PDB file of N, CA and C in Angstrom:
ATOM      1  N   MET A   1     -25.135 -49.200  81.125  1.00  0.00           N
ATOM      2  CA  MET A   1     -24.639 -48.577  82.756  1.00  0.00           C
ATOM      3  C   MET A   1     -25.046 -49.632  83.807  1.00  0.00           C
ATOM      4  N   ARG A   2     -24.005 -50.425  83.426  1.00  0.00           N
ATOM      5  CA  ARG A   2     -23.799 -51.182  85.295  1.00  0.00           C
ATOM      6  C   ARG A   2     -23.439 -50.842  86.073  1.00  0.00           C
ATOM      7  N   ILE A   3     -24.395 -50.747  87.429  1.00  0.00           N
ATOM      8  CA  ILE A   3     -23.958 -50.588  88.736  1.00  0.00           C
ATOM      9  C   ILE A   3     -22.734 -51.364  88.886  1.00  0.00           C
ATOM     10  N   LEU A   4     -22.283 -51.500  90.083  1.00  0.00           N
ATOM     11  CA  LEU A   4     -22.045 -52.292  90.501  1.00  0.00           C
ATOM     12  C   LEU A   4     -22.479 -52.086  92.214  1.00  0.00           C
ATOM     13  N   SER A   5     -22.555 -54.023  92.161  1.00  0.00           N
ATOM     14  CA  SER A   5     -22.890 -53.355  93.691  1.00  0.00           C
ATOM     15  C   SER A   5     -21.814 -54.486  94.956  1.00  0.00           C
ATOM     16  N   PHE A   6     -22.052 -54.577  95.849  1.00  0.00           N
ATOM     17  CA  PHE A   6     -21.675 -54.767  97.317  1.00  0.00           C
ATOM     18  C   PHE A   6     -21.219 -57.150  97.483  1.00  0.00           C
ATOM     19  N   SER A   7     -22.393 -57.046  96.056  1.00  0.00           N
ATOM     20  CA  SER A   7     -22.041 -58.869  96.362  1.00  0.00           C
ATOM     21  C   SER A   7     -21.043 -58.975  95.189  1.00  0.00           C
ATOM     22  N   ASP A   8     -20.648 -58.098  94.480  1.00  0.00           N
ATOM     23  CA  ASP A   8     -19.788 -58.286  93.837  1.00  0.00           C
ATOM     24  C   ASP A   8     -18.608 -58.286  94.432  1.00  0.00           C
ATOM     25  N   ALA A   9     -17.393 -60.038  94.459  1.00  0.00           N
ATOM     26  CA  ALA A   9     -16.390 -60.832  94.581  1.00  0.00           C
ATOM     27  C   ALA A   9     -15.825 -60.176  94.681  1.00  0.00           C
ATOM     28  N   GLY A  10     -15.571 -58.954  93.980  1.00  0.00           N
ATOM     29  CA  GLY A  10     -13.862 -57.945  93.240  1.00  0.00           C
ATOM     30  C   GLY A  10     -13.916 -57.219  94.210  1.00  0.00           C
ATOM     31  N   VAL A  11     -15.258 -56.360  93.686  1.00  0.00           N
ATOM     32  CA  VAL A  11     -14.935 -55.147  94.636  1.00  0.00           C
ATOM     33  C   VAL A  11     -15.432 -55.363  96.166  1.00  0.00           C
ATOM     34  N   GLU A  12     -15.978 -56.643  96.989  1.00  0.00           N
ATOM     35  CA  GLU A  12     -15.909 -56.705  98.031  1.00  0.00           C
ATOM     36  C   GLU A  12     -14.476 -56.740  98.791  1.00  0.00           C
ATOM     37  N   LYS A  13     -13.928 -57.154  97.490  1.00  0.00           N
ATOM     38  CA  LYS A  13     -12.394 -57.434  98.781  1.00  0.00           C
ATOM     39  C   LYS A  13     -11.660 -56.849  98.063  1.00  0.00           C
ATOM     40  N   PHE A  14     -11.667 -55.897  97.210  1.00  0.00           N
ATOM     41  CA  PHE A  14     -11.320 -54.518  96.919  1.00  0.00           C
ATOM     42  C   PHE A  14     -12.000 -53.441  98.656  1.00  0.00           C
ATOM     43  N   MET A  15     -12.780 -53.226  98.890  1.00  0.00           N
ATOM     44  CA  MET A  15     -13.601 -52.532  99.918  1.00  0.00           C
ATOM     45  C   MET A  15     -12.932 -52.704 101.340  1.00  0.00           C
ATOM     46  N   LYS A  16     -12.257 -54.202 100.938  1.00  0.00           N
ATOM     47  CA  LYS A  16     -12.080 -54.703 102.306  1.00  0.00           C
ATOM     48  C   LYS A  16     -10.716 -54.323 102.229  1.00  0.00           C
ATOM     49  N   ARG A  17     -10.197 -55.003 102.151  1.00  0.00           N
ATOM     50  CA  ARG A  17      -8.685 -54.195 101.337  1.00  0.00           C
ATOM     51  C   ARG A  17      -8.367 -52.836 101.510  1.00  0.00           C
ATOM     52  N   LEU A  18      -9.353 -52.048 100.873  1.00  0.00           N
ATOM     53  CA  LEU A  18      -9.345 -50.359 101.232  1.00  0.00           C
ATOM     54  C   LEU A  18      -9.610 -49.633 102.254  1.00  0.00           C
ATOM     55  N   ILE A  19     -10.138 -51.144 102.501  1.00  0.00           N
ATOM     56  CA  ILE A  19     -10.197 -50.245 104.921  1.00  0.00           C
ATOM     57  C   ILE A  19      -9.766 -51.385 105.123  1.00  0.00           C
ATOM     58  N   GLY A  20      -9.351 -51.887 104.902  1.00  0.00           N
ATOM     59  CA  GLY A  20      -8.202 -52.502 106.148  1.00  0.00           C
ATOM     60  C   GLY A  20      -8.616 -53.765 107.548  1.00  0.00           C
ATOM     61  N   ARG A  21      -9.760 -54.372 105.653  1.00  0.00           N
ATOM     62  CA  ARG A  21      -9.405 -55.150 107.572  1.00  0.00           C
ATOM     63  C   ARG A  21     -10.563 -56.898 106.292  1.00  0.00           C
ATOM     64  N   THR A  22      -8.784 -57.398 106.493  1.00  0.00           N
ATOM     65  CA  THR A  22      -8.169 -59.132 105.549  1.00  0.00           C
ATOM     66  C   THR A  22      -7.789 -59.756 106.241  1.00  0.00           C
ATOM     67  N   ASP A  23      -8.491 -58.791 108.158  1.00  0.00           N
ATOM     68  CA  ASP A  23      -7.692 -60.212 109.473  1.00  0.00           C
ATOM     69  C   ASP A  23      -8.665 -61.182 109.743  1.00  0.00           C
ATOM     70  N   VAL A  24      -9.613 -61.228 108.873  1.00  0.00           N
ATOM     71  CA  VAL A  24      -9.720 -62.178 108.681  1.00  0.00           C
ATOM     72  C   VAL A  24      -9.533 -63.425 107.444  1.00  0.00           C
ATOM     73  N   GLU A  25      -9.068 -63.112 107.360  1.00  0.00           N
ATOM     74  CA  GLU A  25      -8.422 -63.563 105.410  1.00  0.00           C
ATOM     75  C   GLU A  25      -7.391 -64.089 106.004  1.00  0.00           C
ATOM     76  N   ASP A  26      -6.702 -62.643 106.258  1.00  0.00           N
ATOM     77  CA  ASP A  26      -4.829 -63.400 106.345  1.00  0.00           C
ATOM     78  C   ASP A  26      -4.698 -64.185 107.710  1.00  0.00           C
ATOM     79  N   ALA A  27      -6.136 -64.172 109.326  1.00  0.00           N
ATOM     80  CA  ALA A  27      -5.727 -65.711 110.071  1.00  0.00           C
ATOM     81  C   ALA A  27      -6.223 -66.996 109.680  1.00  0.00           C
ATOM     82  N   LEU A  28      -7.114 -67.217 108.342  1.00  0.00           N
ATOM     83  CA  LEU A  28      -7.361 -68.096 107.444  1.00  0.00           C
ATOM     84  C   LEU A  28      -6.288 -68.364 106.629  1.00  0.00           C
ATOM     85  N   GLN A  29      -5.081 -67.599 106.520  1.00  0.00           N
ATOM     86  CA  GLN A  29      -4.778 -68.056 105.560  1.00  0.00           C
ATOM     87  C   GLN A  29      -3.325 -68.738 105.680  1.00  0.00           C
ATOM     88  N   ARG A  30      -3.065 -67.958 107.123  1.00  0.00           N
ATOM     89  CA  ARG A  30      -2.032 -68.599 108.917  1.00  0.00           C
ATOM     90  C   ARG A  30      -2.521 -70.175 108.791  1.00  0.00           C
ATOM     91  N   LEU A  31      -4.384 -70.116 109.222  1.00  0.00           N
ATOM     92  CA  LEU A  31      -3.900 -71.410 109.575  1.00  0.00           C
ATOM     93  C   LEU A  31      -4.192 -72.383 108.895  1.00  0.00           C
ATOM     94  N   ASP A  32      -4.219 -72.435 107.504  1.00  0.00           N
ATOM     95  CA  ASP A  32      -4.153 -72.792 105.857  1.00  0.00           C
ATOM     96  C   ASP A  32      -2.518 -73.274 106.567  1.00  0.00           C
ATOM     97  N   ARG A  33      -1.814 -72.711 106.290  1.00  0.00           N
ATOM     98  CA  ARG A  33      -0.546 -72.693 106.606  1.00  0.00           C
ATOM     99  C   ARG A  33       0.120 -73.843 108.553  1.00  0.00           C
ATOM    100  N   LEU A  34      -0.309 -73.485 108.643  1.00  0.00           N
ATOM    101  CA  LEU A  34      -0.202 -74.141 110.261  1.00  0.00           C
ATOM    102  C   LEU A  34      -0.475 -75.274 109.739  1.00  0.00           C
ATOM    103  N   THR A  35      -1.492 -75.571 109.122  1.00  0.00           N
ATOM    104  CA  THR A  35      -2.768 -76.891 108.794  1.00  0.00           C
ATOM    105  C   THR A  35      -1.969 -77.438 107.475  1.00  0.00           C
ATOM    106  N   GLN A  36      -1.710 -77.275 106.553  1.00  0.00           N
ATOM    107  CA  GLN A  36      -0.020 -77.737 106.162  1.00  0.00           C
ATOM    108  C   GLN A  36       0.795 -78.530 106.511  1.00  0.00           C
ATOM    109  N   GLU A  37       1.709 -77.248 107.257  1.00  0.00           N
ATOM    110  CA  GLU A  37       3.012 -77.684 108.000  1.00  0.00           C
ATOM    111  C   GLU A  37       3.261 -78.722 108.960  1.00  0.00           C
ATOM    112  N   GLU A  38       1.853 -79.388 110.459  1.00  0.00           N
ATOM    113  CA  GLU A  38       1.111 -79.575 110.559  1.00  0.00           C
ATOM    114  C   GLU A  38       1.326 -81.054 110.198  1.00  0.00           C
ATOM    115  N   THR A  39      -0.006 -81.272 108.378  1.00  0.00           N
ATOM    116  CA  THR A  39      -0.324 -82.828 107.834  1.00  0.00           C
ATOM    117  C   THR A  39       1.991 -83.305 107.300  1.00  0.00           C
ATOM    118  N   ARG A  40       2.566 -82.213 107.427  1.00  0.00           N
ATOM    119  CA  ARG A  40       3.958 -82.340 106.610  1.00  0.00           C
ATOM    120  C   ARG A  40       4.301 -83.578 107.752  1.00  0.00           C
ATOM    121  N   LEU A  41       4.807 -82.264 109.108  1.00  0.00           N
ATOM    122  CA  LEU A  41       5.362 -83.081 111.111  1.00  0.00           C
ATOM    123  C   LEU A  41       4.702 -84.548 110.131  1.00  0.00           C
ATOM    124  N   THR A  42       3.870 -84.121 110.774  1.00  0.00           N
ATOM    125  CA  THR A  42       2.511 -85.431 110.957  1.00  0.00           C
ATOM    126  C   THR A  42       3.054 -87.473 110.378  1.00  0.00           C
ATOM    127  N   MET A  43       3.108 -86.936 108.363  1.00  0.00           N
ATOM    128  CA  MET A  43       3.230 -87.335 107.731  1.00  0.00           C
ATOM    129  C   MET A  43       5.006 -87.932 107.963  1.00  0.00           C
ATOM    130  N   ALA A  44       5.814 -87.509 108.492  1.00  0.00           N
ATOM    131  CA  ALA A  44       7.356 -87.305 108.846  1.00  0.00           C
ATOM    132  C   ALA A  44       7.397 -88.022 109.796  1.00  0.00           C
ATOM    133  N   GLU A  45       6.457 -88.296 110.509  1.00  0.00           N
ATOM    134  CA  GLU A  45       6.722 -88.838 112.048  1.00  0.00           C
ATOM    135  C   GLU A  45       6.055 -90.398 112.357  1.00  0.00           C
ATOM    136  N   THR A  46       4.818 -90.684 111.571  1.00  0.00           N
ATOM    137  CA  THR A  46       4.643 -91.665 109.757  1.00  0.00           C
ATOM    138  C   THR A  46       6.101 -92.729 109.916  1.00  0.00           C
ATOM    139  N   LEU A  47       5.946 -91.888 108.935  1.00  0.00           N
ATOM    140  CA  LEU A  47       6.388 -92.290 108.544  1.00  0.00           C
ATOM    141  C   LEU A  47       8.146 -92.973 108.961  1.00  0.00           C
ATOM    142  N   ALA A  48       8.495 -92.415 109.859  1.00  0.00           N
ATOM    143  CA  ALA A  48       9.798 -92.370 111.237  1.00  0.00           C
ATOM    144  C   ALA A  48       9.321 -93.981 111.794  1.00  0.00           C
ATOM    145  N   VAL A  49       7.695 -93.603 112.596  1.00  0.00           N
ATOM    146  CA  VAL A  49       7.010 -94.637 113.489  1.00  0.00           C
ATOM    147  C   VAL A  49       7.170 -95.753 111.797  1.00  0.00           C
ATOM    148  N   ALA A  50       7.148 -95.694 111.293  1.00  0.00           N
ATOM    149  CA  ALA A  50       7.199 -97.342 110.559  1.00  0.00           C
ATOM    150  C   ALA A  50       8.256 -97.277 109.596  1.00  0.00           C
ATOM    151  N   HIS A  51       9.703 -96.873 109.874  1.00  0.00           N
ATOM    152  CA  HIS A  51      10.382 -97.205 109.883  1.00  0.00           C
ATOM    153  C   HIS A  51      11.607 -98.319 110.791  1.00  0.00           C
ATOM    154  N   SER A  52      11.081 -97.613 112.280  1.00  0.00           N
ATOM    155  CA  SER A  52      11.953 -97.822 113.185  1.00  0.00           C
ATOM    156  C   SER A  52      10.867 -99.607 113.127  1.00  0.00           C
ATOM    157  N   ILE A  53       9.439 -99.777 112.693  1.00  0.00           N
ATOM    158  CA  ILE A  53       9.652-100.866 113.320  1.00  0.00           C
ATOM    159  C   ILE A  53       9.762-101.460 112.250  1.00  0.00           C
ATOM    160  N   LYS A  54       9.545-101.674 111.616  1.00  0.00           N
ATOM    161  CA  LYS A  54      10.028-102.602 110.157  1.00  0.00           C
ATOM    162  C   LYS A  54      11.640-102.780 110.223  1.00  0.00           C
ATOM    163  N   ASP A  55      12.454-101.755 111.212  1.00  0.00           N
ATOM    164  CA  ASP A  55      13.963-102.451 111.447  1.00  0.00           C
ATOM    165  C   ASP A  55      13.634-103.385 112.310  1.00  0.00           C
ATOM    166  N   SER A  56      13.728-103.261 113.680  1.00  0.00           N
ATOM    167  CA  SER A  56      12.509-103.915 115.179  1.00  0.00           C
ATOM    168  C   SER A  56      12.599-105.349 114.224  1.00  0.00           C
ATOM    169  N   ALA A  57      11.596-105.035 113.454  1.00  0.00           N
ATOM    170  CA  ALA A  57      10.905-106.323 113.060  1.00  0.00           C
ATOM    171  C   ALA A  57      11.917-107.312 112.022  1.00  0.00           C
ATOM    172  N   SER A  58      12.647-106.590 111.004  1.00  0.00           N
ATOM    173  CA  SER A  58      13.747-107.563 110.484  1.00  0.00           C
ATOM    174  C   SER A  58      15.078-107.757 111.346  1.00  0.00           C
ATOM    175  N   ARG A  59      15.427-106.880 112.694  1.00  0.00           N
ATOM    176  CA  ARG A  59      16.083-107.465 113.959  1.00  0.00           C
ATOM    177  C   ARG A  59      15.202-109.034 114.026  1.00  0.00           C
ATOM    178  N   SER A  60      13.742-108.989 114.656  1.00  0.00           N
ATOM    179  CA  SER A  60      13.504-109.550 115.617  1.00  0.00           C
ATOM    180  C   SER A  60      13.414-110.439 114.287  1.00  0.00           C
ATOM    181  N   ALA A  61      13.305-111.339 113.201  1.00  0.00           N
ATOM    182  CA  ALA A  61      13.724-111.889 112.247  1.00  0.00           C
ATOM    183  C   ALA A  61      15.363-112.512 112.408  1.00  0.00           C
ATOM    184  N   GLN A  62      16.365-112.136 112.331  1.00  0.00           N
ATOM    185  CA  GLN A  62      18.169-112.009 111.563  1.00  0.00           C
ATOM    186  C   GLN A  62      17.658-112.793 113.530  1.00  0.00           C
ATOM    187  N   LEU A  63      16.915-112.434 114.775  1.00  0.00           N
ATOM    188  CA  LEU A  63      17.823-113.127 115.506  1.00  0.00           C
ATOM    189  C   LEU A  63      16.844-114.576 115.932  1.00  0.00           C
ATOM    190  N   LEU A  64      16.001-114.653 115.500  1.00  0.00           N
ATOM    191  CA  LEU A  64      14.483-115.784 115.625  1.00  0.00           C
ATOM    192  C   LEU A  64      15.793-117.172 114.460  1.00  0.00           C
ATOM    193  N   ILE A  65      15.994-116.515 113.120  1.00  0.00           N
ATOM    194  CA  ILE A  65      16.954-117.540 112.292  1.00  0.00           C
ATOM    195  C   ILE A  65      17.858-117.330 113.062  1.00  0.00           C
ATOM    196  N   TYR A  66      18.892-116.393 113.691  1.00  0.00           N
ATOM    197  CA  TYR A  66      20.348-117.153 114.154  1.00  0.00           C
ATOM    198  C   TYR A  66      20.042-118.747 115.329  1.00  0.00           C
ATOM    199  N   THR A  67      19.069-117.625 116.345  1.00  0.00           N
ATOM    200  CA  THR A  67      18.610-118.836 117.450  1.00  0.00           C
ATOM    201  C   THR A  67      18.396-119.817 117.061  1.00  0.00           C
ATOM    202  N   ASN A  68      17.277-120.207 116.104  1.00  0.00           N
ATOM    203  CA  ASN A  68      16.888-120.907 115.423  1.00  0.00           C
ATOM    204  C   ASN A  68      18.888-122.494 115.104  1.00  0.00           C
ATOM    205  N   ASN A  69      18.825-121.779 114.406  1.00  0.00           N
ATOM    206  CA  ASN A  69      20.428-121.920 113.667  1.00  0.00           C
ATOM    207  C   ASN A  69      21.890-122.323 114.875  1.00  0.00           C
ATOM    208  N   VAL A  70      21.608-122.181 116.518  1.00  0.00           N
ATOM    209  CA  VAL A  70      22.705-122.061 116.770  1.00  0.00           C
ATOM    210  C   VAL A  70      21.434-123.692 117.897  1.00  0.00           C
ATOM    211  N   SER A  71      21.000-123.199 117.539  1.00  0.00           N
ATOM    212  CA  SER A  71      19.687-124.548 118.162  1.00  0.00           C
ATOM    213  C   SER A  71      19.632-126.370 117.320  1.00  0.00           C
ATOM    214  N   ARG A  72      19.655-126.423 116.293  1.00  0.00           N
ATOM    215  CA  ARG A  72      20.561-126.631 115.290  1.00  0.00           C
ATOM    216  C   ARG A  72      21.593-127.616 115.258  1.00  0.00           C
ATOM    217  N   HIS A  73      22.048-126.629 115.403  1.00  0.00           N
ATOM    218  CA  HIS A  73      23.873-126.531 116.016  1.00  0.00           C
ATOM    219  C   HIS A  73      24.189-127.179 117.392  1.00  0.00           C
ATOM    220  N   ALA A  74      23.624-127.245 118.524  1.00  0.00           N
ATOM    221  CA  ALA A  74      24.298-127.601 119.290  1.00  0.00           C
ATOM    222  C   ALA A  74      22.760-128.918 119.712  1.00  0.00           C
ATOM    223  N   ALA A  75      22.340-129.044 118.809  1.00  0.00           N
ATOM    224  CA  ALA A  75      21.720-130.744 118.483  1.00  0.00           C
ATOM    225  C   ALA A  75      22.237-131.567 117.432  1.00  0.00           C
ATOM    226  N   LYS A  76      23.322-131.609 116.906  1.00  0.00           N
ATOM    227  CA  LYS A  76      23.998-131.833 116.332  1.00  0.00           C
ATOM    228  C   LYS A  76      25.612-132.520 117.127  1.00  0.00           C
ATOM    229  N   GLN A  77      25.659-131.683 117.849  1.00  0.00           N
ATOM    230  CA  GLN A  77      26.416-132.115 118.928  1.00  0.00           C
ATOM    231  C   GLN A  77      25.857-133.593 119.501  1.00  0.00           C
ATOM    232  N   PRO A  78      27.222-134.170 120.039  1.00  0.00           N
ATOM    233  CA  PRO A  78      27.198-135.368 120.273  1.00  0.00           C
ATOM    234  C   PRO A  78      27.474-134.839 122.142  1.00  0.00           C
ATOM    235  N   GLN A  79      26.435-135.867 122.546  1.00  0.00           N
ATOM    236  CA  GLN A  79      26.033-136.200 124.207  1.00  0.00           C
ATOM    237  C   GLN A  79      27.046-136.377 125.040  1.00  0.00           C
ATOM    238  N   ARG A  80      27.915-135.737 125.116  1.00  0.00           N
ATOM    239  CA  ARG A  80      29.358-135.624 126.854  1.00  0.00           C
ATOM    240  C   ARG A  80      29.205-135.998 127.634  1.00  0.00           C
ATOM    241  N   SER A  81      29.102-137.068 128.735  1.00  0.00           N
ATOM    242  CA  SER A  81      29.395-137.860 129.045  1.00  0.00           C
ATOM    243  C   SER A  81      29.888-137.678 130.811  1.00  0.00           C
TER     244      SER A  81
END
């Protein structure tokens, strides 16, 4: 016959629930959920910033190409006196 001790995980968990001592476990679970949500929000914001930087770089490149083309076109025009 085996005598259960409080060191057995199942018994300890049962006793905690029996006497309502799950406040620490509940707080840790809430903290874990909040941490996961914060991670998802941080990833979403980082992705939005990355897209914004990419779009700005693309617009800058297009403007540079346009300006270069305008400069070349102006250089080919004969000078008026």
